[in-house]
């Protein structure tokens, strides 16, 4: 069973090599993190190569949550960070690993459910993945050689998490519950608006529809929406549709 220590979930998006998943598990367990989620791994799951590389951290792989897509992998999370270079197309708060994990510790102390996403080894996360995050973690690396492998990135973030917990342990463990909307509720809201706005002809011209939908999803993820906010936004859209139909 996972430990009872409040902590973020680490979400590996479409990882390509079992060895990298195993190395990521070892890096997590070095810093007391044991909530791994694996989204659509290229070579299937479970993965023997991951088990061999994980060594003493094999328990994390046994208990890892497997998800078919990213929306499923973060459905129960209320705040999500994406570890990536800052995308020019999407406007989001940008943190260093140190600042992000301090922020994460404060959020978890208040009862929020936090996740950190890590992209595939070869090309990293796509914009559609990043759009589902609330904030970005960017590592200040050498601009002439910015590439980090999966396990290195997990290790850096895990180390900063451990430091943040040691500095603010009482705050993390004494937190209060919040009523923020989770990933599944935000996903349902995004689909609701996309469907109704599509019916209204909003996404025009057709060749710009995908980028417009991406920007809309990015808007939802930037806002710290509560469940009450989400229900109100659903109600607003339903009322607008009813009003239009009456006319």
Protein backbone atom coordinates (compact mmCIF):
# COMPACT_ATOMS: atom_id res chain seq x y z
CA UNK A 1 0.00 0.00 0.00
CA UNK A 2 1.21 3.58 -0.66
CA UNK A 3 2.42 5.50 2.37
CA UNK A 4 0.02 7.78 4.23
CA UNK A 5 2.31 10.79 3.85
CA UNK A 6 0.57 13.63 1.94
CA UNK A 7 2.41 14.11 -1.34
CA UNK A 8 1.95 14.84 -5.06
CA UNK A 9 1.34 12.11 -7.62
CA UNK A 10 4.02 11.84 -10.32
CA UNK A 11 2.43 11.20 -13.71
CA UNK A 12 4.57 9.73 -16.50
CA UNK A 13 2.94 10.54 -19.85
CA UNK A 14 3.47 7.98 -22.62
CA UNK A 15 6.89 6.82 -21.34
CA UNK A 16 8.84 4.98 -24.01
CA UNK A 17 11.35 2.76 -22.23
CA UNK A 18 10.79 0.49 -19.27
CA UNK A 19 14.28 1.27 -17.98
CA UNK A 20 13.37 4.94 -17.67
CA UNK A 21 10.19 4.13 -15.77
CA UNK A 22 12.18 1.96 -13.37
CA UNK A 23 14.82 4.67 -12.91
CA UNK A 24 12.05 7.20 -12.24
CA UNK A 25 10.63 4.90 -9.56
CA UNK A 26 14.03 4.71 -7.86
CA UNK A 27 14.36 8.51 -7.99
CA UNK A 28 10.91 8.94 -6.46
CA UNK A 29 11.55 6.51 -3.63
CA UNK A 30 14.89 8.21 -2.83
CA UNK A 31 12.79 11.13 -1.60
CA UNK A 32 9.87 9.25 -0.07
CA UNK A 33 7.49 9.63 -3.03
CA UNK A 34 5.44 6.56 -3.93
CA UNK A 35 2.41 7.76 -5.94
CA UNK A 36 3.32 6.91 -9.54
CA UNK A 37 0.86 7.05 -12.42
CA UNK A 38 1.74 5.72 -15.87
CA UNK A 39 -0.22 7.03 -18.86
CA UNK A 40 -0.29 4.94 -22.05
CA UNK A 41 3.22 3.44 -21.82
CA UNK A 42 4.60 2.62 -25.27
CA UNK A 43 5.73 -0.92 -24.40
CA UNK A 44 2.70 -1.96 -22.34
CA UNK A 45 2.29 -2.62 -18.63
CA UNK A 46 3.62 -4.25 -16.50
CA UNK A 47 7.09 -3.87 -17.97
CA UNK A 48 9.90 -6.32 -17.03
CA UNK A 49 12.61 -3.81 -17.92
CA UNK A 50 11.08 -1.29 -15.51
CA UNK A 51 11.03 -3.87 -12.71
CA UNK A 52 14.69 -4.76 -13.28
CA UNK A 53 15.80 -1.12 -13.20
CA UNK A 54 13.64 -0.16 -10.20
CA UNK A 55 15.60 -2.49 -7.90
CA UNK A 56 14.51 -1.71 -4.32
CA UNK A 57 11.72 0.59 -5.52
CA UNK A 58 9.75 -2.16 -7.27
CA UNK A 59 6.82 -1.63 -4.92
CA UNK A 60 6.10 1.68 -6.65
CA UNK A 61 5.63 -0.15 -9.95
CA UNK A 62 3.36 -2.75 -8.35
CA UNK A 63 1.18 0.01 -6.93
CA UNK A 64 1.40 2.39 -9.91
CA UNK A 65 -1.90 3.50 -11.41
CA UNK A 66 -2.18 2.78 -15.13
CA UNK A 67 -4.22 5.24 -17.21
CA UNK A 68 -5.25 5.06 -20.84
CA UNK A 69 -4.94 8.80 -21.42
CA UNK A 70 -3.90 11.94 -19.57
CA UNK A 71 -7.44 13.04 -18.69
CA UNK A 72 -7.91 9.74 -16.86
CA UNK A 73 -4.50 10.01 -15.21
CA UNK A 74 -5.24 13.37 -13.58
CA UNK A 75 -9.02 13.06 -13.21
CA UNK A 76 -8.96 13.31 -9.40
CA UNK A 77 -6.32 16.05 -9.17
CA UNK A 78 -7.14 19.68 -8.34
CA UNK A 79 -3.78 21.26 -9.28
CA UNK A 80 -1.33 19.97 -11.89
CA UNK A 81 2.20 21.03 -12.84
CA UNK A 82 3.79 20.20 -16.21
CA UNK A 83 7.58 19.81 -16.34
CA UNK A 84 8.51 21.28 -19.70
CA UNK A 85 10.20 24.14 -21.50
CA UNK A 86 7.91 27.16 -21.47
CA UNK A 87 5.62 26.97 -24.53
CA UNK A 88 5.13 30.27 -26.33
CA UNK A 89 1.57 29.37 -27.34
CA UNK A 90 0.21 28.82 -23.81
CA UNK A 91 0.20 31.37 -21.00
CA UNK A 92 0.62 29.79 -17.56
CA UNK A 93 2.47 30.50 -14.31
CA UNK A 94 6.07 29.28 -14.58
CA UNK A 95 8.01 27.93 -11.57
CA UNK A 96 11.47 26.59 -10.89
CA UNK A 97 11.39 23.11 -9.30
CA UNK A 98 12.13 24.67 -5.91
CA UNK A 99 9.33 27.25 -6.12
CA UNK A 100 6.89 24.71 -7.56
CA UNK A 101 7.38 22.22 -4.76
CA UNK A 102 7.02 24.94 -2.12
CA UNK A 103 3.76 25.88 -3.79
CA UNK A 104 2.75 22.21 -3.96
CA UNK A 105 3.47 21.72 -0.26
CA UNK A 106 1.28 24.69 0.63
CA UNK A 107 -1.54 23.41 -1.58
CA UNK A 108 -1.36 19.89 -0.18
CA UNK A 109 -1.32 21.39 3.30
CA UNK A 110 -4.66 23.00 2.45
CA UNK A 111 -6.08 19.67 1.31
CA UNK A 112 -5.58 19.99 -2.45
CA UNK A 113 -4.72 16.99 -4.63
CA UNK A 114 -1.60 17.75 -6.62
CA UNK A 115 0.11 16.04 -9.56
CA UNK A 116 3.36 16.64 -11.44
CA UNK A 117 3.44 15.55 -15.09
CA UNK A 118 6.52 14.34 -16.96
CA UNK A 119 6.51 13.94 -20.74
CA UNK A 120 7.83 11.23 -23.07
CA UNK A 121 11.59 10.87 -23.33
CA UNK A 122 12.06 11.73 -27.00
CA UNK A 123 10.00 14.86 -27.57
CA UNK A 124 8.43 15.81 -24.23
CA UNK A 125 4.85 16.86 -23.73
CA UNK A 126 2.58 18.07 -26.49
CA UNK A 127 0.68 21.34 -26.13
CA UNK A 128 -2.53 19.37 -25.66
CA UNK A 129 -0.94 17.79 -22.55
CA UNK A 130 0.38 21.08 -21.20
CA UNK A 131 -3.02 22.72 -21.69
CA UNK A 132 -4.39 20.41 -18.99
CA UNK A 133 -1.86 21.68 -16.43
CA UNK A 134 -2.36 24.65 -14.12
CA UNK A 135 1.29 25.66 -14.06
CA UNK A 136 4.68 24.86 -15.60
CA UNK A 137 7.92 23.72 -13.98
CA UNK A 138 11.02 24.69 -15.97
CA UNK A 139 14.51 23.65 -14.93
CA UNK A 140 17.16 26.39 -15.38
CA UNK A 141 19.58 24.30 -17.44
CA UNK A 142 22.33 25.12 -19.94
CA UNK A 143 20.48 26.62 -22.95
CA UNK A 144 23.03 24.98 -25.27
CA UNK A 145 22.15 21.55 -23.87
CA UNK A 146 18.70 21.71 -22.23
CA UNK A 147 17.73 18.04 -22.52
CA UNK A 148 17.06 16.08 -19.32
CA UNK A 149 16.08 12.43 -19.31
CA UNK A 150 12.96 11.29 -17.51
CA UNK A 151 14.66 9.99 -14.37
CA UNK A 152 16.82 13.11 -14.02
CA UNK A 153 13.77 15.34 -14.15
CA UNK A 154 11.91 13.18 -11.62
CA UNK A 155 14.97 13.24 -9.35
CA UNK A 156 15.22 17.04 -9.45
CA UNK A 157 11.56 17.58 -8.63
CA UNK A 158 11.60 14.85 -5.97
CA UNK A 159 14.60 16.44 -4.28
CA UNK A 160 12.88 19.83 -4.15
CA UNK A 161 9.73 18.20 -2.77
CA UNK A 162 11.74 16.66 0.05
CA UNK A 163 13.34 20.01 0.86
CA UNK A 164 9.97 21.77 0.85
CA UNK A 165 8.48 19.18 3.22
CA UNK A 166 11.37 19.43 5.65
CA UNK A 167 11.05 23.22 5.76
CA UNK A 168 7.25 23.27 6.11
CA UNK A 169 6.33 19.84 7.46
CA UNK A 170 3.82 21.10 10.00
CA UNK A 171 2.01 23.14 7.34
CA UNK A 172 1.83 20.17 4.98
CA UNK A 173 0.44 17.74 7.51
CA UNK A 174 -1.95 20.12 9.23
CA UNK A 175 -3.85 21.29 6.15
CA UNK A 176 -7.56 21.82 5.75
CA UNK A 177 -9.85 20.42 3.06
CA UNK A 178 -10.78 22.53 0.06
CA UNK A 179 -13.57 22.26 -2.45
CA UNK A 180 -11.63 22.79 -5.67
CA UNK A 181 -12.82 21.12 -8.84
CA UNK A 182 -10.78 18.09 -9.84
CA UNK A 183 -9.49 17.09 -13.27
CA UNK A 184 -12.56 15.06 -14.20
CA UNK A 185 -14.87 17.99 -13.43
CA UNK A 186 -12.74 20.41 -15.45
CA UNK A 187 -12.65 17.92 -18.34
CA UNK A 188 -16.46 17.63 -18.31
CA UNK A 189 -16.77 21.42 -18.27
CA UNK A 190 -14.38 21.76 -21.21
CA UNK A 191 -16.31 19.16 -23.25
CA UNK A 192 -19.63 20.84 -22.44
CA UNK A 193 -18.44 24.23 -23.69
CA UNK A 194 -16.68 22.79 -26.74
CA UNK A 195 -19.79 20.88 -27.81
CA UNK A 196 -22.19 23.79 -27.39
CA UNK A 197 -19.85 26.34 -28.93
CA UNK A 198 -19.22 23.97 -31.82
CA UNK A 199 -22.98 23.72 -32.41
CA UNK A 200 -23.16 27.53 -32.37
CA UNK A 201 -20.46 27.78 -35.05
CA UNK A 202 -17.96 29.47 -32.74
CA UNK A 203 -14.94 27.46 -33.90
CA UNK A 204 -14.49 29.16 -37.26
CA UNK A 205 -12.76 28.93 -39.64
CA UNK A 206 -12.39 25.12 -39.47
CA UNK A 207 -8.59 25.18 -39.83
CA UNK A 208 -8.34 27.20 -36.59
CA UNK A 209 -10.77 25.07 -34.59
CA UNK A 210 -8.14 22.87 -32.93
CA UNK A 211 -6.02 25.80 -31.74
CA UNK A 212 -9.12 27.64 -30.49
CA UNK A 213 -10.20 24.58 -28.47
CA UNK A 214 -6.67 24.23 -27.10
CA UNK A 215 -6.67 27.85 -25.97
CA UNK A 216 -10.05 27.38 -24.32
CA UNK A 217 -8.83 24.34 -22.37
CA UNK A 218 -5.76 26.28 -21.37
CA UNK A 219 -8.05 29.00 -20.02
CA UNK A 220 -9.95 26.53 -17.82
CA UNK A 221 -6.74 25.03 -16.43
CA UNK A 222 -5.32 28.46 -15.49
CA UNK A 223 -8.28 29.28 -13.27
CA UNK A 224 -8.49 27.78 -9.74
CA UNK A 225 -12.11 26.74 -10.16
CA UNK A 226 -14.13 25.39 -7.25
CA UNK A 227 -16.88 22.81 -7.72
CA UNK A 228 -19.41 25.60 -7.21
CA UNK A 229 -17.73 27.60 -9.99
CA UNK A 230 -17.93 24.62 -12.35
CA UNK A 231 -21.61 24.04 -11.61
CA UNK A 232 -22.34 27.73 -12.18
CA UNK A 233 -20.52 27.69 -15.54
CA UNK A 234 -22.42 24.58 -16.61
CA UNK A 235 -25.66 26.29 -15.61
CA UNK A 236 -24.78 29.46 -17.50
CA UNK A 237 -24.20 27.51 -20.70
CA UNK A 238 -27.37 25.44 -20.28
CA UNK A 239 -29.41 28.61 -19.72
CA UNK A 240 -27.93 30.31 -22.77
CA UNK A 241 -28.80 27.27 -24.90
CA UNK A 242 -32.36 27.19 -23.54
CA UNK A 243 -32.76 30.94 -24.17
CA UNK A 244 -31.54 30.54 -27.74
CA UNK A 245 -33.92 27.63 -28.36
CA UNK A 246 -36.87 29.69 -27.10
CA UNK A 247 -35.98 32.44 -29.52
